[in-house]
Amino acid sequence: MIGADYHHPKVRLPGAGGAPEIAASCREVVVVLRQTPRTFVDRVDFITSVGFGSGSGDRQRFGLTGSGPRVVITDFGILSPDTETCELTLVSVHQGFSAEDARAATGWPLAVASDLATTDPPTQEELTVLRRLEATKGA
């Protein structure tokens, strides 16, 4: 959720914020969200931030200058758009999860890379930085 300030993090603001402009214009977009059948639906009612439209070539046809989402990171793994179809494809699963876990949390037949990888665990340095950041939450 978009927070009005750190003291009221559950306040929702109207509209999509700057997300449509970010999705349209940035060279590199990384999406991070929980993967559930509610968030990974087969079809949406409306689009505020265009990814790849209905497939390859739509971004150019719409006049969007950004590259679209490069990667989607979820609690199950990492998805990347297929180079030809732009369909999100599971390319890596986090340790302790399987492709079937990710498929069960997806509202469409999720494509899985033939060379499915396992995500490397975070390094000690990365964990230290994350813990330091977490300690500042609410400060």
Protein backbone atom coordinates (compact mmCIF):
# COMPACT_ATOMS: atom_id res chain seq x y z
CA MET A 1 0.00 0.00 0.00
CA ILE A 2 1.06 3.53 -0.59
CA GLY A 3 1.52 5.21 2.76
CA ALA A 4 0.78 8.86 3.43
CA ASP A 5 3.65 8.87 5.91
CA TYR A 6 5.55 6.42 8.08
CA HIS A 7 3.11 6.83 10.97
CA HIS A 8 0.06 5.78 8.92
CA PRO A 9 1.34 3.16 6.46
CA LYS A 10 -2.12 1.75 5.69
CA VAL A 11 -3.62 4.95 4.31
CA ARG A 12 -4.54 4.47 0.66
CA LEU A 13 -4.25 7.39 -1.67
CA PRO A 14 -6.49 7.76 -4.75
CA GLY A 15 -5.22 6.82 -8.18
CA ALA A 16 -2.17 4.94 -9.31
CA GLY A 17 0.42 7.48 -8.15
CA GLY A 18 3.36 7.59 -10.54
CA ALA A 19 3.18 3.90 -11.46
CA PRO A 20 1.80 4.43 -15.00
CA GLU A 21 4.62 6.84 -15.86
CA ILE A 22 7.25 4.57 -14.34
CA ALA A 23 5.93 1.54 -16.24
CA ALA A 24 5.76 3.53 -19.49
CA SER A 25 9.10 5.30 -19.39
CA CYS A 26 11.73 3.60 -17.22
CA ARG A 27 14.51 1.59 -18.78
CA GLU A 28 14.33 -1.06 -16.07
CA VAL A 29 11.32 -1.97 -13.94
CA VAL A 30 11.44 -4.61 -11.20
CA VAL A 31 8.15 -5.70 -9.65
CA VAL A 32 8.07 -7.23 -6.15
CA LEU A 33 4.86 -8.71 -4.74
CA ARG A 34 3.32 -11.70 -2.99
CA GLN A 35 2.21 -14.37 -5.44
CA THR A 36 -1.36 -15.48 -4.84
CA PRO A 37 -4.25 -16.40 -7.14
CA ARG A 38 -5.75 -13.02 -6.14
CA THR A 39 -2.69 -11.02 -7.30
CA PHE A 40 -1.74 -13.25 -10.26
CA VAL A 41 -5.04 -13.30 -12.15
CA ASP A 42 -5.60 -14.48 -15.70
CA ARG A 43 -7.33 -11.24 -16.78
CA VAL A 44 -7.68 -7.82 -15.17
CA ASP A 45 -10.63 -5.43 -15.38
CA PHE A 46 -8.44 -2.42 -16.19
CA ILE A 47 -4.76 -1.59 -16.64
CA THR A 48 -3.10 1.37 -14.94
CA SER A 49 0.50 0.41 -15.69
CA VAL A 50 1.22 -1.30 -18.99
CA GLY A 51 3.65 -4.20 -19.02
CA PHE A 52 3.66 -5.69 -22.52
CA GLY A 53 0.01 -5.32 -23.47
CA SER A 54 -1.14 -8.34 -25.42
CA GLY A 55 2.40 -9.28 -26.43
CA SER A 56 5.49 -8.42 -28.37
CA GLY A 57 5.36 -5.08 -30.19
CA ASP A 58 2.55 -3.49 -28.14
CA ARG A 59 4.89 -1.21 -26.18
CA GLN A 60 6.24 0.28 -29.40
CA ARG A 61 2.74 0.53 -30.90
CA PHE A 62 1.55 2.40 -27.78
CA GLY A 63 4.55 4.76 -27.99
CA LEU A 64 6.00 3.66 -24.64
CA THR A 65 9.69 4.47 -24.37
CA GLY A 66 10.56 2.23 -21.42
CA SER A 67 11.49 -1.43 -21.67
CA GLY A 68 8.69 -2.86 -19.54
CA PRO A 69 9.14 -5.09 -16.52
CA ARG A 70 12.45 -6.95 -16.60
CA VAL A 71 11.70 -9.21 -13.67
CA VAL A 72 8.94 -10.01 -11.18
CA ILE A 73 10.16 -11.21 -7.79
CA THR A 74 7.67 -13.06 -5.61
CA ASP A 75 7.78 -15.06 -2.42
CA PHE A 76 8.05 -18.24 -4.56
CA GLY A 77 10.60 -17.25 -7.17
CA ILE A 78 11.58 -15.02 -10.05
CA LEU A 79 9.60 -14.54 -13.25
CA SER A 80 10.84 -12.92 -16.45
CA PRO A 81 9.02 -12.10 -19.66
CA ASP A 82 9.66 -14.55 -22.50
CA THR A 83 11.82 -12.88 -25.15
CA GLU A 84 9.35 -13.66 -27.96
CA THR A 85 5.86 -13.80 -26.40
CA CYS A 86 6.46 -11.52 -23.38
CA GLU A 87 4.56 -14.06 -21.22
CA LEU A 88 5.80 -14.17 -17.65
CA THR A 89 7.84 -17.32 -17.17
CA LEU A 90 9.11 -18.78 -13.90
CA VAL A 91 12.89 -18.82 -14.33
CA SER A 92 13.99 -19.45 -10.74
CA VAL A 93 12.41 -20.81 -7.56
CA HIS A 94 13.50 -19.81 -4.09
CA GLN A 95 14.91 -22.53 -1.87
CA GLY A 96 12.16 -24.58 -0.27
CA PHE A 97 9.67 -23.96 -3.09
CA SER A 98 8.87 -25.76 -6.33
CA ALA A 99 7.43 -24.84 -9.71
CA GLU A 100 4.20 -26.53 -8.59
CA ASP A 101 4.01 -24.21 -5.55
CA ALA A 102 4.29 -21.21 -7.88
CA ARG A 103 1.75 -22.65 -10.31
CA ALA A 104 -0.73 -23.21 -7.47
CA ALA A 105 -0.43 -19.50 -6.57
CA THR A 106 -1.10 -18.35 -10.15
CA GLY A 107 -4.44 -17.81 -11.86
CA TRP A 108 -3.26 -19.03 -15.27
CA PRO A 109 -1.15 -21.94 -16.56
CA LEU A 110 2.22 -20.50 -15.51
CA ALA A 111 5.04 -21.15 -17.96
CA VAL A 112 8.18 -22.63 -16.40
CA ALA A 113 11.63 -22.36 -17.95
CA SER A 114 13.11 -25.65 -19.13
CA ASP A 115 16.32 -24.73 -17.30
CA LEU A 116 14.57 -23.68 -14.05
CA ALA A 117 17.14 -22.41 -11.56
CA THR A 118 17.15 -22.17 -7.79
CA THR A 119 17.61 -18.66 -6.45
CA ASP A 120 20.85 -18.17 -4.55
CA PRO A 121 20.25 -17.40 -0.88
CA PRO A 122 21.18 -13.89 0.28
CA THR A 123 24.79 -13.31 1.23
CA GLN A 124 25.75 -12.35 4.76
CA GLU A 125 26.39 -8.80 3.59
CA GLU A 126 22.92 -8.59 2.00
CA LEU A 127 21.31 -9.93 5.19
CA THR A 128 23.20 -7.36 7.27
CA VAL A 129 21.98 -4.51 5.05
CA LEU A 130 18.39 -5.80 5.13
CA ARG A 131 18.44 -6.18 8.90
CA ARG A 132 19.83 -2.68 9.30
CA LEU A 133 17.09 -1.34 7.02
CA GLU A 134 14.41 -3.28 8.90
CA ALA A 135 15.65 -1.83 12.20
CA THR A 136 14.92 1.70 10.90
CA LYS A 137 11.29 0.82 10.08
CA GLY A 138 9.01 2.96 12.16
CA ALA A 139 11.88 5.03 13.55
